[in-house]
Protein backbone atom coordinates (compact mmCIF):
# COMPACT_ATOMS: atom_id res chain seq x y z
CA MET A 1 -9.19 12.42 -4.30
CA LYS A 2 -8.91 8.64 -4.28
CA ILE A 3 -8.71 7.58 -0.64
CA PHE A 4 -7.67 4.00 0.10
CA ALA A 5 -7.72 2.36 3.53
CA THR A 6 -4.80 -0.01 4.14
CA ASN A 7 -5.10 -3.22 6.14
CA ASN A 8 -3.71 -1.19 9.08
CA ASP A 9 -6.53 1.40 8.75
CA GLN A 10 -4.25 4.10 7.35
CA ALA A 11 -5.83 6.48 4.84
CA VAL A 12 -3.78 6.91 1.67
CA ASP A 13 -4.56 9.49 -1.04
CA LEU A 14 -3.71 7.44 -4.12
CA GLU A 15 -3.58 10.51 -6.38
CA ARG A 16 -0.30 11.44 -4.67
CA VAL A 17 1.23 7.93 -4.69
CA ILE A 18 3.97 7.22 -7.25
CA SER A 19 4.90 3.69 -6.19
CA ILE A 20 3.39 0.71 -4.37
CA GLU A 21 5.72 -2.16 -3.54
CA THR A 22 5.45 -5.33 -1.46
CA TYR A 23 8.27 -7.15 0.30
CA SER A 24 8.85 -9.45 3.23
CA THR A 25 11.19 -9.22 6.17
CA CYS A 26 11.35 -11.44 9.27
CA ASN A 27 8.15 -13.30 8.27
CA VAL A 28 6.21 -10.04 7.97
CA PHE A 29 4.82 -8.80 4.65
CA ILE A 30 4.90 -5.07 4.00
CA VAL A 31 3.07 -2.94 1.47
CA GLU A 32 4.98 0.30 0.98
CA SER A 33 3.33 3.36 -0.62
CA THR A 34 5.66 6.15 -1.74
CA PHE A 35 4.25 9.65 -2.27
CA ILE A 36 5.41 12.32 -4.72
CA ASN A 37 6.96 14.26 -1.82
CA GLY A 38 9.08 11.24 -0.77
CA LYS A 39 6.99 10.27 2.25
CA VAL A 40 6.52 6.52 2.70
CA ILE A 41 3.65 4.73 4.43
CA LYS A 42 4.12 1.08 5.34
CA SER A 43 1.29 -1.35 6.00
CA ILE A 44 2.21 -4.56 7.82
CA ASN A 45 0.42 -7.80 6.94
CA ALA A 46 0.47 -11.28 8.48
CA ASP A 47 0.80 -13.15 5.20
CA SER A 48 1.73 -12.60 1.58
CA GLU A 49 -1.81 -13.09 0.29
CA LEU A 50 -3.16 -10.19 2.37
CA ALA A 51 -0.28 -7.98 1.26
CA SER A 52 -0.83 -8.85 -2.38
CA LYS A 53 -4.58 -8.22 -2.16
CA GLU A 54 -3.97 -4.84 -0.52
CA LYS A 55 -1.45 -3.79 -3.18
CA TRP A 56 -3.59 -4.79 -6.15
CA ALA A 57 -6.75 -3.23 -4.68
CA ALA A 58 -4.86 0.06 -4.37
CA VAL A 59 -3.43 -0.23 -7.89
CA GLU A 60 -6.89 -0.94 -9.29
CA LEU A 61 -8.31 2.14 -7.57
CA MET A 62 -5.35 4.25 -8.78
CA THR A 63 -6.03 3.37 -12.41
CA LYS A 64 -9.75 4.22 -12.35
């Protein structure tokens, strides 16, 4: 298991994640993790830099 803690303190098992995307809406930056079963977890961030750091930290852990 590769457990990753999001900026919102959600635990995500990265071995079951198939996609990690970032996007913004209404001045909020969201990191969206999609699991193999279709479930989606969203982590809300105050700025784009935090969202980007969260996404790439998760991707780095996924590829180890």
